[in-house]
Amino acid sequence: MCRGLFPSSRCLFMYRDVVAVAKSVYRLSMVEPTMRLAYLLGSFSGQMTKMMVELRGNEGSDFCVRLKNNLSLGVLKYVMTTSTYLDMRRRGFDVSGLRYEDLVERPLDMCHVLMKFCGLPVSLAQSAIKAFEVDSQRNSILAKSVLGRIKNPQLTPKTKAQLNELLTKYGLPLIGEPNFFEGTLCCLD
C-alpha cells in the first residue's frame, strides 16, 4: 500500500544485537502493562505466549513458546521481527537492513549512507546526527530517564543457553555470533 502511495519511498529495517533487544523489551515491560502481562502469562505456558502474540495482531502458531526467563520475550520479539525482514527479502520485497550498532559506532558515515540510500542530500547527515541527541519519547513512560532507572536482568550461562535454544529453533545467529543480515546497508572504508 505504501509503495502505491509513495513509489519512491525506501523501506528500512533497523535491527540490533539480540541481547540489547531482550534487555530493552524487559525494561519496556516494566512500564507497559500489556508487555508485563505477556511476560507473566508466557512464563506459564507456550499457549499463553501464542495467545498474547495473536492479541497483538500477529500469527501466533509459530510462537507457542514458554518464556523461561526475563529475556525470553525480548528474544522472541527479535525473532519475530527479524524473521519477517528475512522473509520479505526472500519474497522479493525491496527492503534493506540497518544495524543500530553501526549507526552508533559511526553516526556520520552511516547517516551519509542513509541519505544516499534515501535519495536525500548528504548534507542532511549532520542534522540527522543532532536528532540522536533528542529523546523522542521524552515526557512519556518510555523516556530514557524512566527506562534508564530499571535494572537489566543478568545474562547468566543458563539464561544464555535457553535463549540460544530459541534462536536455534528459528534459525537465527546465536548470542555472540555476528548478526549481519543480507541486504544490510554498511559503510565502505
Protein backbone atom coordinates (compact mmCIF):
# COMPACT_ATOMS: atom_id res chain seq x y z
CA MET A 1 0.00 0.00 0.00
CA CYS A 2 2.76 2.45 0.94
CA ARG A 3 4.62 1.77 -2.32
CA GLY A 4 1.50 2.66 -4.25
CA LEU A 5 1.11 5.95 -2.41
CA PHE A 6 4.82 6.77 -2.24
CA PRO A 7 6.54 4.96 -5.14
CA SER A 8 9.96 6.49 -4.47
CA SER A 9 9.95 5.63 -0.75
CA ARG A 10 12.68 3.43 0.66
CA CYS A 11 12.00 0.67 3.18
CA LEU A 12 14.40 0.08 6.06
CA PHE A 13 14.50 -2.48 8.83
CA MET A 14 16.62 -1.42 11.80
CA TYR A 15 17.91 -4.22 13.95
CA ARG A 16 20.35 -4.56 16.79
CA ASP A 17 22.13 -7.09 18.97
CA VAL A 18 19.68 -9.68 20.27
CA VAL A 19 20.71 -9.27 23.93
CA ALA A 20 20.28 -5.49 23.71
CA VAL A 21 16.79 -6.03 22.28
CA ALA A 22 15.91 -8.52 25.02
CA LYS A 23 17.04 -6.15 27.78
CA SER A 24 15.20 -3.24 26.18
CA VAL A 25 11.97 -5.24 25.91
CA TYR A 26 12.35 -6.29 29.54
CA ARG A 27 12.67 -2.63 30.67
CA LEU A 28 9.68 -1.71 28.49
CA SER A 29 7.65 -4.48 30.11
CA MET A 30 8.20 -2.88 33.50
CA VAL A 31 6.23 0.24 32.46
CA GLU A 32 3.86 -1.05 29.77
CA PRO A 33 1.08 -3.23 31.23
CA THR A 34 0.35 -5.45 28.20
CA MET A 35 4.04 -6.26 27.83
CA ARG A 36 4.21 -7.15 31.53
CA LEU A 37 1.16 -9.36 31.13
CA ALA A 38 2.83 -11.11 28.18
CA TYR A 39 5.87 -11.85 30.36
CA LEU A 40 3.79 -13.18 33.21
CA LEU A 41 1.38 -15.29 31.16
CA GLY A 42 4.11 -16.55 28.84
CA SER A 43 6.05 -17.89 31.80
CA PHE A 44 3.17 -20.32 32.49
CA SER A 45 2.86 -21.89 29.05
CA GLY A 46 3.62 -21.58 25.38
CA GLN A 47 -0.11 -21.43 24.67
CA MET A 48 -0.30 -18.21 26.65
CA THR A 49 2.59 -16.73 24.65
CA LYS A 50 0.86 -17.76 21.42
CA MET A 51 -2.34 -16.08 22.61
CA MET A 52 -0.51 -12.84 23.52
CA VAL A 53 1.21 -12.77 20.10
CA GLU A 54 -2.18 -13.19 18.42
CA LEU A 55 -3.73 -10.45 20.56
CA ARG A 56 -1.09 -8.09 19.15
CA GLY A 57 -2.26 -8.95 15.63
CA ASN A 58 0.37 -11.50 14.60
CA GLU A 59 0.07 -15.15 13.65
CA GLY A 60 0.94 -16.97 16.87
CA SER A 61 1.24 -20.62 15.84
CA ASP A 62 4.98 -20.36 15.24
CA PHE A 63 5.48 -18.72 18.63
CA CYS A 64 3.99 -21.23 21.03
CA VAL A 65 6.98 -20.92 23.35
CA ARG A 66 7.12 -20.91 27.14
CA LEU A 67 9.10 -17.89 28.36
CA LYS A 68 11.71 -19.38 30.67
CA ASN A 69 13.46 -16.20 31.83
CA ASN A 70 13.26 -12.39 31.85
CA LEU A 71 14.96 -12.09 28.45
CA SER A 72 12.88 -14.66 26.53
CA LEU A 73 10.13 -12.29 25.41
CA GLY A 74 12.69 -9.85 24.01
CA VAL A 75 14.40 -12.64 22.08
CA LEU A 76 11.03 -13.79 20.79
CA LYS A 77 10.25 -10.23 19.63
CA TYR A 78 13.68 -10.13 17.92
CA VAL A 79 12.92 -13.47 16.26
CA MET A 80 9.52 -12.27 15.04
CA THR A 81 10.76 -9.01 13.54
CA THR A 82 13.99 -10.39 12.09
CA SER A 83 12.24 -13.40 10.57
CA THR A 84 9.71 -11.06 8.95
CA TYR A 85 12.52 -8.97 7.45
CA LEU A 86 14.33 -12.05 6.10
CA ASP A 87 11.07 -13.48 4.72
CA MET A 88 10.27 -10.19 2.97
CA ARG A 89 13.72 -10.22 1.35
CA ARG A 90 13.26 -13.86 0.25
CA ARG A 91 9.91 -12.95 -1.32
CA GLY A 92 11.49 -10.11 -3.29
CA PHE A 93 10.36 -7.08 -1.33
CA ASP A 94 12.69 -4.11 -1.70
CA VAL A 95 13.68 -3.66 1.95
CA SER A 96 17.16 -3.04 3.35
CA GLY A 97 18.57 -3.53 6.81
CA LEU A 98 20.35 -1.09 9.09
CA ARG A 99 22.28 -2.22 12.16
CA TYR A 100 21.77 0.04 15.15
CA GLU A 101 25.31 -0.69 16.36
CA ASP A 102 26.75 0.59 13.06
CA LEU A 103 24.74 3.78 13.41
CA VAL A 104 26.00 4.34 16.96
CA GLU A 105 29.63 3.44 16.14
CA ARG A 106 29.88 5.58 13.02
CA PRO A 107 26.97 8.03 13.05
CA LEU A 108 28.21 10.44 10.40
CA ASP A 109 29.33 7.72 7.99
CA MET A 110 26.09 5.77 8.41
CA CYS A 111 23.97 8.90 8.05
CA HIS A 112 25.78 9.60 4.77
CA VAL A 113 24.93 6.06 3.65
CA LEU A 114 21.31 6.54 4.72
CA MET A 115 20.95 9.87 2.95
CA LYS A 116 22.34 8.41 -0.28
CA PHE A 117 20.12 5.34 0.06
CA CYS A 118 17.02 7.51 0.53
CA GLY A 119 17.96 9.86 -2.30
CA LEU A 120 18.37 12.78 0.07
CA PRO A 121 21.19 15.34 0.12
CA VAL A 122 24.21 14.04 2.06
CA SER A 123 24.40 17.50 3.62
CA LEU A 124 21.48 16.45 5.86
CA ALA A 125 23.65 13.85 7.61
CA GLN A 126 24.91 16.31 10.22
CA SER A 127 21.36 17.37 11.08
CA ALA A 128 20.37 13.71 11.39
CA ILE A 129 23.11 13.17 13.95
CA LYS A 130 21.81 16.07 16.02
CA ALA A 131 18.42 14.36 16.11
CA PHE A 132 20.02 11.45 18.00
CA GLU A 133 20.60 13.77 20.94
CA VAL A 134 16.87 14.25 21.49
CA ASP A 135 14.84 11.68 23.41
CA SER A 136 11.90 11.16 21.07
CA GLN A 137 9.94 9.64 23.96
CA ARG A 138 10.61 12.41 26.49
CA ASN A 139 7.69 13.24 28.78
CA SER A 140 6.30 9.73 28.46
CA ILE A 141 6.64 6.45 30.34
CA LEU A 142 9.06 5.38 27.59
CA ALA A 143 11.51 8.24 28.21
CA LYS A 144 15.18 7.32 28.60
CA SER A 145 15.09 8.91 32.04
CA VAL A 146 12.34 6.44 33.08
CA LEU A 147 13.53 3.27 31.37
CA GLY A 148 17.15 4.00 32.31
CA ARG A 149 16.31 3.56 36.01
CA ILE A 150 15.20 -0.04 35.50
CA LYS A 151 17.89 -2.60 36.19
CA ASN A 152 18.57 -5.06 33.37
CA PRO A 153 18.28 -8.78 34.08
CA GLN A 154 21.58 -10.66 34.06
CA LEU A 155 22.63 -12.86 31.16
CA THR A 156 23.71 -15.94 33.09
CA PRO A 157 25.14 -19.03 31.36
CA LYS A 158 21.81 -20.82 31.95
CA THR A 159 19.82 -17.88 30.50
CA LYS A 160 22.18 -17.67 27.52
CA ALA A 161 21.70 -21.40 26.83
CA GLN A 162 17.90 -21.02 26.99
CA LEU A 163 17.96 -18.02 24.66
CA ASN A 164 20.28 -19.80 22.23
CA GLU A 165 17.76 -22.68 22.13
CA LEU A 166 15.14 -20.19 20.94
CA LEU A 167 17.49 -18.66 18.37
CA THR A 168 18.46 -22.11 17.09
CA LYS A 169 14.78 -23.10 16.78
CA TYR A 170 14.19 -20.13 14.45
CA GLY A 171 17.47 -20.41 12.52
CA LEU A 172 18.99 -17.12 13.71
CA PRO A 173 22.55 -16.40 14.87
CA LEU A 174 23.32 -17.33 18.45
CA ILE A 175 24.29 -14.84 21.14
CA GLY A 176 27.83 -13.64 20.49
CA GLU A 177 27.80 -14.63 16.81
CA PRO A 178 27.81 -11.95 14.11
CA ASN A 179 24.29 -10.80 13.24
CA PHE A 180 24.85 -9.10 9.92
CA PHE A 181 21.87 -9.97 7.74
CA GLU A 182 21.56 -9.92 3.96
CA GLY A 183 20.59 -6.58 2.48
CA THR A 184 22.11 -4.56 5.31
CA LEU A 185 23.49 -1.12 4.45
CA CYS A 186 27.06 -0.54 5.52
CA CYS A 187 29.93 1.94 5.22
CA LEU A 188 32.67 1.17 2.78
CA ASP A 189 36.03 2.20 4.21
